[in-house]
Protein backbone atom coordinates (compact mmCIF):
# COMPACT_ATOMS: atom_id res chain seq x y z
CA UNK A 1 -0.92 -30.54 -1.36
CA UNK A 2 -1.64 -26.78 -1.14
CA UNK A 3 -4.96 -25.57 -2.49
CA UNK A 4 -3.41 -22.38 -3.84
CA UNK A 5 -0.15 -21.64 -5.58
CA UNK A 6 2.55 -19.27 -4.39
CA UNK A 7 1.90 -17.11 -7.43
CA UNK A 8 -1.81 -16.87 -6.65
CA UNK A 9 -1.15 -15.99 -3.00
CA UNK A 10 1.42 -13.36 -3.98
CA UNK A 11 -1.04 -11.79 -6.42
CA UNK A 12 -3.89 -11.83 -3.91
CA UNK A 13 -1.76 -10.27 -1.16
CA UNK A 14 -0.23 -7.71 -3.51
CA UNK A 15 -3.65 -6.61 -4.79
CA UNK A 16 -5.05 -6.39 -1.26
CA UNK A 17 -2.19 -4.20 -0.05
CA UNK A 18 -2.27 -1.89 -3.06
CA UNK A 19 -6.04 -1.58 -2.90
CA UNK A 20 -5.85 -0.74 0.81
CA UNK A 21 -3.28 1.98 0.14
CA UNK A 22 -5.39 3.47 -2.64
CA UNK A 23 -8.53 3.45 -0.48
CA UNK A 24 -6.61 5.06 2.37
CA UNK A 25 -5.31 7.77 0.03
CA UNK A 26 -8.84 8.44 -1.19
CA UNK A 27 -10.23 8.61 2.34
CA UNK A 28 -7.51 11.11 3.34
CA UNK A 29 -8.11 13.09 0.12
CA UNK A 30 -4.46 12.59 -0.82
CA UNK A 31 -3.21 12.29 -4.37
CA UNK A 32 -0.33 10.13 -5.51
CA UNK A 33 1.63 13.37 -5.84
CA UNK A 34 1.02 14.17 -2.16
CA UNK A 35 2.13 10.67 -1.12
CA UNK A 36 5.24 11.06 -3.27
CA UNK A 37 6.06 14.36 -1.57
CA UNK A 38 5.60 12.83 1.87
CA UNK A 39 7.78 9.83 0.98
CA UNK A 40 10.43 11.97 -0.73
CA UNK A 41 10.10 10.14 -4.04
CA UNK A 42 8.81 11.03 -7.48
CA UNK A 43 5.14 10.65 -8.43
CA UNK A 44 6.33 8.09 -10.99
CA UNK A 45 7.79 5.99 -8.18
CA UNK A 46 4.45 6.03 -6.35
CA UNK A 47 2.76 4.91 -9.58
CA UNK A 48 5.25 2.03 -9.79
CA UNK A 49 4.50 1.09 -6.19
CA UNK A 50 0.74 1.09 -6.77
CA UNK A 51 0.83 -0.55 -10.21
CA UNK A 52 1.57 -4.03 -8.95
CA UNK A 53 4.60 -4.46 -11.19
CA UNK A 54 7.09 -4.99 -8.37
CA UNK A 55 7.53 -6.82 -5.12
CA UNK A 56 7.15 -4.29 -2.31
CA UNK A 57 9.44 -4.55 0.68
CA UNK A 58 8.23 -4.39 4.26
CA UNK A 59 10.38 -1.26 4.60
CA UNK A 60 8.45 0.45 1.77
CA UNK A 61 5.11 -0.63 3.23
CA UNK A 62 6.20 0.62 6.65
CA UNK A 63 7.16 4.00 5.21
CA UNK A 64 3.82 4.32 3.44
CA UNK A 65 1.86 3.36 6.56
CA UNK A 66 3.84 5.83 8.68
CA UNK A 67 3.31 8.72 6.25
CA UNK A 68 -0.39 7.92 6.05
CA UNK A 69 -0.59 7.71 9.86
CA UNK A 70 -1.90 4.16 9.71
CA UNK A 71 -0.75 0.58 9.96
CA UNK A 72 -1.21 -2.74 8.20
CA UNK A 73 -2.86 -5.65 10.01
CA UNK A 74 -2.22 -9.08 8.51
CA UNK A 75 -3.97 -12.34 9.23
CA UNK A 76 -2.88 -15.78 8.00
CA UNK A 77 -5.67 -18.35 7.99
CA UNK A 78 -5.77 -21.98 6.83
CA UNK A 79 -7.23 -22.54 3.36
CA UNK A 80 -9.63 -25.11 4.76
CA UNK A 81 -10.98 -22.74 7.42
CA UNK A 82 -14.66 -21.94 7.23
CA UNK A 83 -15.23 -18.39 5.96
CA UNK A 84 -15.89 -16.10 8.87
CA UNK A 85 -18.52 -13.42 8.79
CA UNK A 86 -15.74 -10.87 8.22
CA UNK A 87 -14.74 -12.72 5.02
CA UNK A 88 -18.21 -12.14 3.62
CA UNK A 89 -18.23 -8.38 4.07
CA UNK A 90 -17.65 -5.75 1.44
CA UNK A 91 -14.01 -4.70 0.92
CA UNK A 92 -12.62 -2.59 3.71
CA UNK A 93 -12.99 1.18 3.40
CA UNK A 94 -10.74 3.03 5.84
CA UNK A 95 -12.05 5.80 8.04
CA UNK A 96 -9.53 8.37 9.16
CA UNK A 97 -9.80 9.53 12.73
CA UNK A 98 -8.33 9.02 16.15
CA UNK A 99 -8.57 5.24 15.85
CA UNK A 100 -6.03 3.66 13.47
CA UNK A 101 -7.90 1.53 10.92
CA UNK A 102 -7.05 -2.02 9.94
CA UNK A 103 -5.92 -1.92 6.31
CA UNK A 104 -5.58 -5.51 5.19
CA UNK A 105 -7.93 -8.30 6.05
């Protein structure tokens, strides 16, 4: 029997992705308006994307990553795995530079 529900995992993943995008925007000194301009959508659409009220597609996430000049890195680990040292760190804060940062841990 799974230790976590689908709903819980969806919520955890959704929050992680949205948080990573918001941190990346902050590190680049971009506003939601700037991201909207880059994506060719309205600022309201970006607010919807970052609000957590909808299921984001991989296409949308890919577009965001491309416009931010970054990428998402995803790792699937067993629930019964021992926490690694990386799991015990503070939440990821991206650093913009020549090296593309890992956004989702």
